[in-house]
Amino acid sequence: MDDAHILVVDDDRRLRELLRKYLSDNGYLVATAADAAEARSRMAGVSFDLIVLDVMMPGEDGMQLTRSLRADGNRVPVLLLTARGEVDDRIRGLEAGADDYLSKPFEPRELLLRLGSILRRAPRDEPPPARELRLGSFVWDMDRSELRQGGVPAHLTQAERDLLAVLAEVAGQGVGRDELALRTGNSANPRTVDVQVTRLRKKIEDDPRLPRYLQTVRGVGYMLRPD
């Protein structure tokens, strides 16, 4: 995760800048803050992958900030830095919600190793699963309003795409012609929906005369029935 975005929070300007340069030279994107208030301001506008946080800061210290972040449901990984090396202090830091604890002075290479270890353990944000409906050899991508066959987009007119989008949102349920006409911009002539259905069936059905996917619901209208 070499392109991880790290926030370094330390009231020691010299150390803050040394860490910024060292981490930047090793492939990380780095922002800095001099105290907890500035850190909160930075986090309000940017999503960070990890925070390197000094414990001994004036005002709200590192442990208090970590505890506050966890109380707010913020799970961003935190590596605490402090001149304190006692076991009790390390335990307090971990109990506050920190992911690791490094005592000053430290070897820069050890910091890199610890950062890498934390980032590997951290859950990655996965994109939401695609909302897709399978219609035989075709796939309807509900989020993109795109019909594909073998991964290649199939040609649809805008009217056909709008019709398919409305039916896909309530797949398995019948939708009346009047509602379809209204939602696809054909309210002046609901019978236009029948024409669009006929054209769409010719594109997605093996036998348009015996439709499997774009079915007629007697007395109602039409229904999309995916595999």
C-alpha atoms as a PDB file:
ATOM      1  CA  MET A   1       0.000   0.000   0.000  1.00  0.00           C
ATOM      2  CA  ASP A   2       2.760   2.380  -1.017  1.00  0.00           C
ATOM      3  CA  ASP A   3       0.310   5.128  -1.956  1.00  0.00           C
ATOM      4  CA  ALA A   4      -1.297   5.172   1.511  1.00  0.00           C
ATOM      5  CA  HIS A   5      -2.179   8.620   2.830  1.00  0.00           C
ATOM      6  CA  ILE A   6      -0.703   9.202   6.277  1.00  0.00           C
ATOM      7  CA  LEU A   7      -1.366  12.010   8.744  1.00  0.00           C
ATOM      8  CA  VAL A   8       1.567  12.836  11.081  1.00  0.00           C
ATOM      9  CA  VAL A   9       0.465  14.674  14.235  1.00  0.00           C
ATOM     10  CA  ASP A  10       3.251  16.010  16.477  1.00  0.00           C
ATOM     11  CA  ASP A  11       3.828  19.341  18.205  1.00  0.00           C
ATOM     12  CA  ASP A  12       7.577  19.072  17.549  1.00  0.00           C
ATOM     13  CA  ARG A  13       7.941  20.899  14.230  1.00  0.00           C
ATOM     14  CA  ARG A  14      11.404  19.470  13.512  1.00  0.00           C
ATOM     15  CA  LEU A  15      10.334  15.855  14.053  1.00  0.00           C
ATOM     16  CA  ARG A  16       7.106  16.474  12.155  1.00  0.00           C
ATOM     17  CA  GLU A  17       9.009  17.652   9.096  1.00  0.00           C
ATOM     18  CA  LEU A  18      11.585  14.866   9.334  1.00  0.00           C
ATOM     19  CA  LEU A  19       8.810  12.283   9.377  1.00  0.00           C
ATOM     20  CA  ARG A  20       7.018  13.979   6.501  1.00  0.00           C
ATOM     21  CA  LYS A  21      10.155  13.896   4.339  1.00  0.00           C
ATOM     22  CA  TYR A  22      11.171  10.368   5.340  1.00  0.00           C
ATOM     23  CA  LEU A  23       7.746   8.865   4.720  1.00  0.00           C
ATOM     24  CA  SER A  24       7.326  10.809   1.470  1.00  0.00           C
ATOM     25  CA  ASP A  25      10.704   9.525   0.277  1.00  0.00           C
ATOM     26  CA  ASN A  26       9.445   6.006   0.954  1.00  0.00           C
ATOM     27  CA  GLY A  27       6.374   6.288  -1.216  1.00  0.00           C
ATOM     28  CA  TYR A  28       3.686   7.558   1.152  1.00  0.00           C
ATOM     29  CA  LEU A  29       1.413  10.573   0.750  1.00  0.00           C
ATOM     30  CA  VAL A  30       1.902  12.620   3.911  1.00  0.00           C
ATOM     31  CA  ALA A  31       0.039  15.458   5.602  1.00  0.00           C
ATOM     32  CA  THR A  32       0.989  16.974   8.953  1.00  0.00           C
ATOM     33  CA  ALA A  33      -0.688  18.625  11.915  1.00  0.00           C
ATOM     34  CA  ALA A  34       0.776  20.311  14.982  1.00  0.00           C
ATOM     35  CA  ASP A  35      -1.970  19.355  17.453  1.00  0.00           C
ATOM     36  CA  ALA A  36      -5.275  17.537  17.834  1.00  0.00           C
ATOM     37  CA  ALA A  37      -7.339  20.507  16.664  1.00  0.00           C
ATOM     38  CA  GLU A  38      -5.393  20.789  13.421  1.00  0.00           C
ATOM     39  CA  ALA A  39      -5.583  17.012  13.000  1.00  0.00           C
ATOM     40  CA  ARG A  40      -9.374  17.135  13.279  1.00  0.00           C
ATOM     41  CA  SER A  41      -9.445  19.902  10.687  1.00  0.00           C
ATOM     42  CA  ARG A  42      -7.335  17.804   8.313  1.00  0.00           C
ATOM     43  CA  MET A  43      -9.516  14.720   8.825  1.00  0.00           C
ATOM     44  CA  ALA A  44     -12.683  16.697   8.161  1.00  0.00           C
ATOM     45  CA  GLY A  45     -11.663  17.151   4.538  1.00  0.00           C
ATOM     46  CA  VAL A  46      -9.519  14.089   3.780  1.00  0.00           C
ATOM     47  CA  SER A  47      -9.787  10.357   4.420  1.00  0.00           C
ATOM     48  CA  PHE A  48      -6.472   9.047   5.770  1.00  0.00           C
ATOM     49  CA  ASP A  49      -5.248   5.460   5.738  1.00  0.00           C
ATOM     50  CA  LEU A  50      -3.242   5.809   8.958  1.00  0.00           C
ATOM     51  CA  ILE A  51      -2.378   8.372  11.643  1.00  0.00           C
ATOM     52  CA  VAL A  52       1.061   8.638  13.262  1.00  0.00           C
ATOM     53  CA  LEU A  53       0.162  10.385  16.497  1.00  0.00           C
ATOM     54  CA  ASP A  54       2.339  11.843  19.251  1.00  0.00           C
ATOM     55  CA  VAL A  55       1.007  11.175  22.739  1.00  0.00           C
ATOM     56  CA  MET A  56       2.532  14.116  24.625  1.00  0.00           C
ATOM     57  CA  MET A  57       0.913  17.169  23.059  1.00  0.00           C
ATOM     58  CA  PRO A  58      -0.471  20.303  24.728  1.00  0.00           C
ATOM     59  CA  GLY A  59      -4.228  20.408  25.050  1.00  0.00           C
ATOM     60  CA  GLU A  60      -5.887  17.222  23.818  1.00  0.00           C
ATOM     61  CA  ASP A  61      -3.140  14.601  23.876  1.00  0.00           C
ATOM     62  CA  GLY A  62      -2.709  11.638  21.551  1.00  0.00           C
ATOM     63  CA  MET A  63      -4.455   9.132  23.783  1.00  0.00           C
ATOM     64  CA  GLN A  64      -7.436  11.423  24.247  1.00  0.00           C
ATOM     65  CA  LEU A  65      -7.675  12.015  20.506  1.00  0.00           C
ATOM     66  CA  THR A  66      -7.462   8.296  19.796  1.00  0.00           C
ATOM     67  CA  ARG A  67     -10.149   7.533  22.365  1.00  0.00           C
ATOM     68  CA  SER A  68     -12.373  10.259  20.913  1.00  0.00           C
ATOM     69  CA  LEU A  69     -11.957   8.954  17.355  1.00  0.00           C
ATOM     70  CA  ARG A  70     -12.924   5.449  18.423  1.00  0.00           C
ATOM     71  CA  ALA A  71     -15.928   6.732  20.359  1.00  0.00           C
ATOM     72  CA  ASP A  72     -17.078   8.480  17.171  1.00  0.00           C
ATOM     73  CA  GLY A  73     -16.775   5.226  15.215  1.00  0.00           C
ATOM     74  CA  ASN A  74     -13.669   6.316  13.293  1.00  0.00           C
ATOM     75  CA  ARG A  75     -11.596   3.157  12.704  1.00  0.00           C
ATOM     76  CA  VAL A  76      -8.601   4.764  10.986  1.00  0.00           C
ATOM     77  CA  PRO A  77      -5.460   2.922  12.180  1.00  0.00           C
ATOM     78  CA  VAL A  78      -3.363   4.830  14.735  1.00  0.00           C
ATOM     79  CA  LEU A  79       0.321   4.429  15.592  1.00  0.00           C
ATOM     80  CA  LEU A  80       1.178   6.258  18.811  1.00  0.00           C
ATOM     81  CA  LEU A  81       4.598   7.881  19.277  1.00  0.00           C
ATOM     82  CA  THR A  82       5.850   8.820  22.737  1.00  0.00           C
ATOM     83  CA  ALA A  83       8.926   9.262  24.855  1.00  0.00           C
ATOM     84  CA  ARG A  84       7.249   7.041  27.414  1.00  0.00           C
ATOM     85  CA  GLY A  85       8.249   3.425  27.120  1.00  0.00           C
ATOM     86  CA  GLU A  86       6.734   1.889  30.243  1.00  0.00           C
ATOM     87  CA  VAL A  87       4.492  -1.139  29.846  1.00  0.00           C
ATOM     88  CA  ASP A  88       1.561   0.590  31.560  1.00  0.00           C
ATOM     89  CA  ASP A  89       1.712   3.463  29.076  1.00  0.00           C
ATOM     90  CA  ARG A  90       1.767   1.106  26.110  1.00  0.00           C
ATOM     91  CA  ILE A  91      -1.224  -0.754  27.520  1.00  0.00           C
ATOM     92  CA  ARG A  92      -3.101   2.530  28.041  1.00  0.00           C
ATOM     93  CA  GLY A  93      -2.445   3.464  24.442  1.00  0.00           C
ATOM     94  CA  LEU A  94      -3.729   0.156  23.134  1.00  0.00           C
ATOM     95  CA  GLU A  95      -6.752   0.332  25.429  1.00  0.00           C
ATOM     96  CA  ALA A  96      -7.506   3.779  23.986  1.00  0.00           C
ATOM     97  CA  GLY A  97      -7.836   2.131  20.585  1.00  0.00           C
ATOM     98  CA  ALA A  98      -4.361   2.534  19.065  1.00  0.00           C
ATOM     99  CA  ASP A  99      -3.153  -0.158  16.694  1.00  0.00           C
ATOM    100  CA  ASP A 100       0.508   0.039  17.711  1.00  0.00           C
ATOM    101  CA  TYR A 101       2.879   1.960  19.948  1.00  0.00           C
ATOM    102  CA  LEU A 102       6.444   3.116  19.229  1.00  0.00           C
ATOM    103  CA  SER A 103       8.705   4.731  21.820  1.00  0.00           C
ATOM    104  CA  LYS A 104      11.010   7.635  21.007  1.00  0.00           C
ATOM    105  CA  PRO A 105      13.760   7.601  19.949  1.00  0.00           C
ATOM    106  CA  PHE A 106      13.147   4.998  17.273  1.00  0.00           C
ATOM    107  CA  GLU A 107      14.847   3.692  14.171  1.00  0.00           C
ATOM    108  CA  PRO A 108      13.155   5.089  11.039  1.00  0.00           C
ATOM    109  CA  ARG A 109      13.269   1.638   9.465  1.00  0.00           C
ATOM    110  CA  GLU A 110      11.330   0.225  12.404  1.00  0.00           C
ATOM    111  CA  LEU A 111       8.679   2.872  11.876  1.00  0.00           C
ATOM    112  CA  LEU A 112       8.368   1.805   8.225  1.00  0.00           C
ATOM    113  CA  LEU A 113       8.024  -1.835   9.220  1.00  0.00           C
ATOM    114  CA  ARG A 114       5.342  -1.053  11.770  1.00  0.00           C
ATOM    115  CA  LEU A 115       3.421   1.146   9.346  1.00  0.00           C
ATOM    116  CA  GLY A 116       3.530  -1.554   6.703  1.00  0.00           C
ATOM    117  CA  SER A 117       2.324  -4.149   9.171  1.00  0.00           C
ATOM    118  CA  ILE A 118      -0.605  -1.985  10.313  1.00  0.00           C
ATOM    119  CA  LEU A 119      -1.645  -1.182   6.758  1.00  0.00           C
ATOM    120  CA  ARG A 120      -1.586  -4.852   5.767  1.00  0.00           C
ATOM    121  CA  ARG A 121      -3.853  -5.695   8.677  1.00  0.00           C
ATOM    122  CA  ALA A 122      -6.225  -2.805   8.094  1.00  0.00           C
ATOM    123  CA  PRO A 123      -9.435  -3.719   6.241  1.00  0.00           C
ATOM    124  CA  ARG A 124      -9.526  -2.269   2.763  1.00  0.00           C
ATOM    125  CA  ASP A 125     -12.637  -0.467   1.624  1.00  0.00           C
ATOM    126  CA  GLU A 126     -14.222  -2.746  -0.936  1.00  0.00           C
ATOM    127  CA  PRO A 127     -16.409  -1.293  -3.649  1.00  0.00           C
ATOM    128  CA  PRO A 128     -20.060  -2.228  -3.305  1.00  0.00           C
ATOM    129  CA  PRO A 129     -21.025  -5.274  -5.330  1.00  0.00           C
ATOM    130  CA  ALA A 130     -22.362  -4.490  -8.770  1.00  0.00           C
ATOM    131  CA  ARG A 131     -26.132  -4.601  -9.093  1.00  0.00           C
ATOM    132  CA  GLU A 132     -26.595  -6.801 -12.125  1.00  0.00           C
ATOM    133  CA  LEU A 133     -29.385  -8.885 -13.591  1.00  0.00           C
ATOM    134  CA  ARG A 134     -28.683 -11.771 -15.927  1.00  0.00           C
ATOM    135  CA  LEU A 135     -30.944 -12.189 -18.916  1.00  0.00           C
ATOM    136  CA  GLY A 136     -29.597 -15.255 -20.708  1.00  0.00           C
ATOM    137  CA  SER A 137     -26.421 -14.198 -22.472  1.00  0.00           C
ATOM    138  CA  PHE A 138     -27.053 -10.563 -21.514  1.00  0.00           C
ATOM    139  CA  VAL A 139     -26.234  -8.738 -18.271  1.00  0.00           C
ATOM    140  CA  TRP A 140     -28.077  -5.593 -17.250  1.00  0.00           C
ATOM    141  CA  ASP A 141     -25.918  -3.288 -15.101  1.00  0.00           C
ATOM    142  CA  MET A 142     -28.423  -1.452 -12.938  1.00  0.00           C
ATOM    143  CA  ASP A 143     -25.993   1.194 -11.733  1.00  0.00           C
ATOM    144  CA  ARG A 144     -24.735   2.112 -15.214  1.00  0.00           C
ATOM    145  CA  SER A 145     -28.028   1.463 -17.031  1.00  0.00           C
ATOM    146  CA  GLU A 146     -26.011  -0.612 -19.473  1.00  0.00           C
ATOM    147  CA  LEU A 147     -26.828  -3.872 -21.245  1.00  0.00           C
ATOM    148  CA  ARG A 148     -23.825  -6.083 -22.017  1.00  0.00           C
ATOM    149  CA  GLN A 149     -23.332  -9.311 -23.889  1.00  0.00           C
ATOM    150  CA  GLY A 150     -20.017 -11.065 -23.381  1.00  0.00           C
ATOM    151  CA  GLY A 151     -18.706  -7.953 -21.670  1.00  0.00           C
ATOM    152  CA  VAL A 152     -19.491  -5.785 -24.706  1.00  0.00           C
ATOM    153  CA  PRO A 153     -22.174  -3.068 -24.420  1.00  0.00           C
ATOM    154  CA  ALA A 154     -25.242  -3.807 -26.520  1.00  0.00           C
ATOM    155  CA  HIS A 155     -26.846  -0.990 -28.458  1.00  0.00           C
ATOM    156  CA  LEU A 156     -30.045   0.342 -26.926  1.00  0.00           C
ATOM    157  CA  THR A 157     -31.973   3.469 -27.724  1.00  0.00           C
ATOM    158  CA  GLN A 158     -32.500   5.844 -24.818  1.00  0.00           C
ATOM    159  CA  ALA A 159     -36.178   4.863 -24.695  1.00  0.00           C
ATOM    160  CA  GLU A 160     -35.281   1.154 -24.479  1.00  0.00           C
ATOM    161  CA  ARG A 161     -32.698   1.845 -21.785  1.00  0.00           C
ATOM    162  CA  ASP A 162     -35.208   3.842 -19.740  1.00  0.00           C
ATOM    163  CA  LEU A 163     -37.796   1.088 -20.043  1.00  0.00           C
ATOM    164  CA  LEU A 164     -35.366  -1.613 -18.998  1.00  0.00           C
ATOM    165  CA  ALA A 165     -34.158   0.485 -16.046  1.00  0.00           C
ATOM    166  CA  VAL A 166     -37.691   0.922 -14.685  1.00  0.00           C
ATOM    167  CA  LEU A 167     -38.537  -2.771 -15.022  1.00  0.00           C
ATOM    168  CA  ALA A 168     -35.182  -3.859 -13.534  1.00  0.00           C
ATOM    169  CA  GLU A 169     -35.754  -1.895 -10.333  1.00  0.00           C
ATOM    170  CA  VAL A 170     -38.823  -4.039  -9.588  1.00  0.00           C
ATOM    171  CA  ALA A 171     -37.739  -7.232 -11.371  1.00  0.00           C
ATOM    172  CA  GLY A 172     -40.291  -9.996 -10.885  1.00  0.00           C
ATOM    173  CA  GLN A 173     -43.171  -7.540 -10.467  1.00  0.00           C
ATOM    174  CA  GLY A 174     -45.618  -6.381 -13.092  1.00  0.00           C
ATOM    175  CA  VAL A 175     -45.642  -2.693 -14.010  1.00  0.00           C
ATOM    176  CA  GLY A 176     -48.625  -1.085 -15.702  1.00  0.00           C
ATOM    177  CA  ARG A 177     -48.375   0.526 -19.144  1.00  0.00           C
ATOM    178  CA  ASP A 178     -49.474   3.897 -17.797  1.00  0.00           C
ATOM    179  CA  GLU A 179     -46.793   3.873 -15.115  1.00  0.00           C
ATOM    180  CA  LEU A 180     -44.143   2.767 -17.600  1.00  0.00           C
ATOM    181  CA  ALA A 181     -45.243   5.484 -19.990  1.00  0.00           C
ATOM    182  CA  LEU A 182     -45.078   8.112 -17.248  1.00  0.00           C
ATOM    183  CA  ARG A 183     -41.657   7.040 -15.985  1.00  0.00           C
ATOM    184  CA  THR A 184     -40.129   6.787 -19.447  1.00  0.00           C
ATOM    185  CA  GLY A 185     -41.477  10.107 -20.699  1.00  0.00           C
ATOM    186  CA  ASN A 186     -44.221   8.704 -22.946  1.00  0.00           C
ATOM    187  CA  SER A 187     -47.241   9.720 -20.911  1.00  0.00           C
ATOM    188  CA  ALA A 188     -48.876  11.320 -23.945  1.00  0.00           C
ATOM    189  CA  ASN A 189     -49.100   7.931 -25.674  1.00  0.00           C
ATOM    190  CA  PRO A 190     -48.859   4.861 -23.420  1.00  0.00           C
ATOM    191  CA  ARG A 191     -49.115   2.566 -26.459  1.00  0.00           C
ATOM    192  CA  THR A 192     -45.586   3.696 -27.338  1.00  0.00           C
ATOM    193  CA  VAL A 193     -44.459   1.402 -24.503  1.00  0.00           C
ATOM    194  CA  ASP A 194     -45.727  -1.594 -26.482  1.00  0.00           C
ATOM    195  CA  VAL A 195     -43.556  -0.587 -29.434  1.00  0.00           C
ATOM    196  CA  GLN A 196     -40.497  -0.247 -27.214  1.00  0.00           C
ATOM    197  CA  VAL A 197     -41.164  -3.630 -25.597  1.00  0.00           C
ATOM    198  CA  THR A 198     -41.425  -5.270 -29.018  1.00  0.00           C
ATOM    199  CA  ARG A 199     -38.100  -3.765 -30.100  1.00  0.00           C
ATOM    200  CA  LEU A 200     -36.398  -4.686 -26.840  1.00  0.00           C
ATOM    201  CA  ARG A 201     -37.593  -8.275 -27.065  1.00  0.00           C
ATOM    202  CA  LYS A 202     -35.999  -8.591 -30.494  1.00  0.00           C
ATOM    203  CA  LYS A 203     -32.680  -7.689 -28.888  1.00  0.00           C
ATOM    204  CA  ILE A 204     -32.701  -9.805 -25.733  1.00  0.00           C
ATOM    205  CA  GLU A 205     -35.016 -12.748 -26.395  1.00  0.00           C
ATOM    206  CA  ASP A 206     -34.092 -15.950 -28.235  1.00  0.00           C
ATOM    207  CA  ASP A 207     -37.676 -16.054 -29.535  1.00  0.00           C
ATOM    208  CA  PRO A 208     -39.411 -12.659 -29.254  1.00  0.00           C
ATOM    209  CA  ARG A 209     -42.780 -14.368 -29.879  1.00  0.00           C
ATOM    210  CA  LEU A 210     -42.282 -16.469 -26.727  1.00  0.00           C
ATOM    211  CA  PRO A 211     -40.528 -14.010 -24.408  1.00  0.00           C
ATOM    212  CA  ARG A 212     -38.762 -15.456 -21.403  1.00  0.00           C
ATOM    213  CA  TYR A 213     -37.339 -12.327 -19.815  1.00  0.00           C
ATOM    214  CA  LEU A 214     -39.588  -9.432 -20.851  1.00  0.00           C
ATOM    215  CA  GLN A 215     -43.011 -10.909 -20.160  1.00  0.00           C
ATOM    216  CA  THR A 216     -46.520  -9.599 -20.591  1.00  0.00           C
ATOM    217  CA  VAL A 217     -48.627  -9.563 -17.436  1.00  0.00           C
ATOM    218  CA  ARG A 218     -52.230  -9.868 -18.532  1.00  0.00           C
ATOM    219  CA  GLY A 219     -54.385  -7.020 -17.297  1.00  0.00           C
ATOM    220  CA  VAL A 220     -51.358  -5.199 -15.857  1.00  0.00           C
ATOM    221  CA  GLY A 221     -48.548  -4.461 -18.276  1.00  0.00           C
ATOM    222  CA  TYR A 222     -45.033  -5.909 -18.379  1.00  0.00           C
ATOM    223  CA  MET A 223     -42.554  -7.606 -16.087  1.00  0.00           C
ATOM    224  CA  LEU A 224     -38.813  -8.299 -16.270  1.00  0.00           C
ATOM    225  CA  ARG A 225     -37.955 -11.804 -15.084  1.00  0.00           C
ATOM    226  CA  PRO A 226     -34.166 -12.307 -14.934  1.00  0.00           C
ATOM    227  CA  ASP A 227     -32.440 -15.677 -14.534  1.00  0.00           C
END
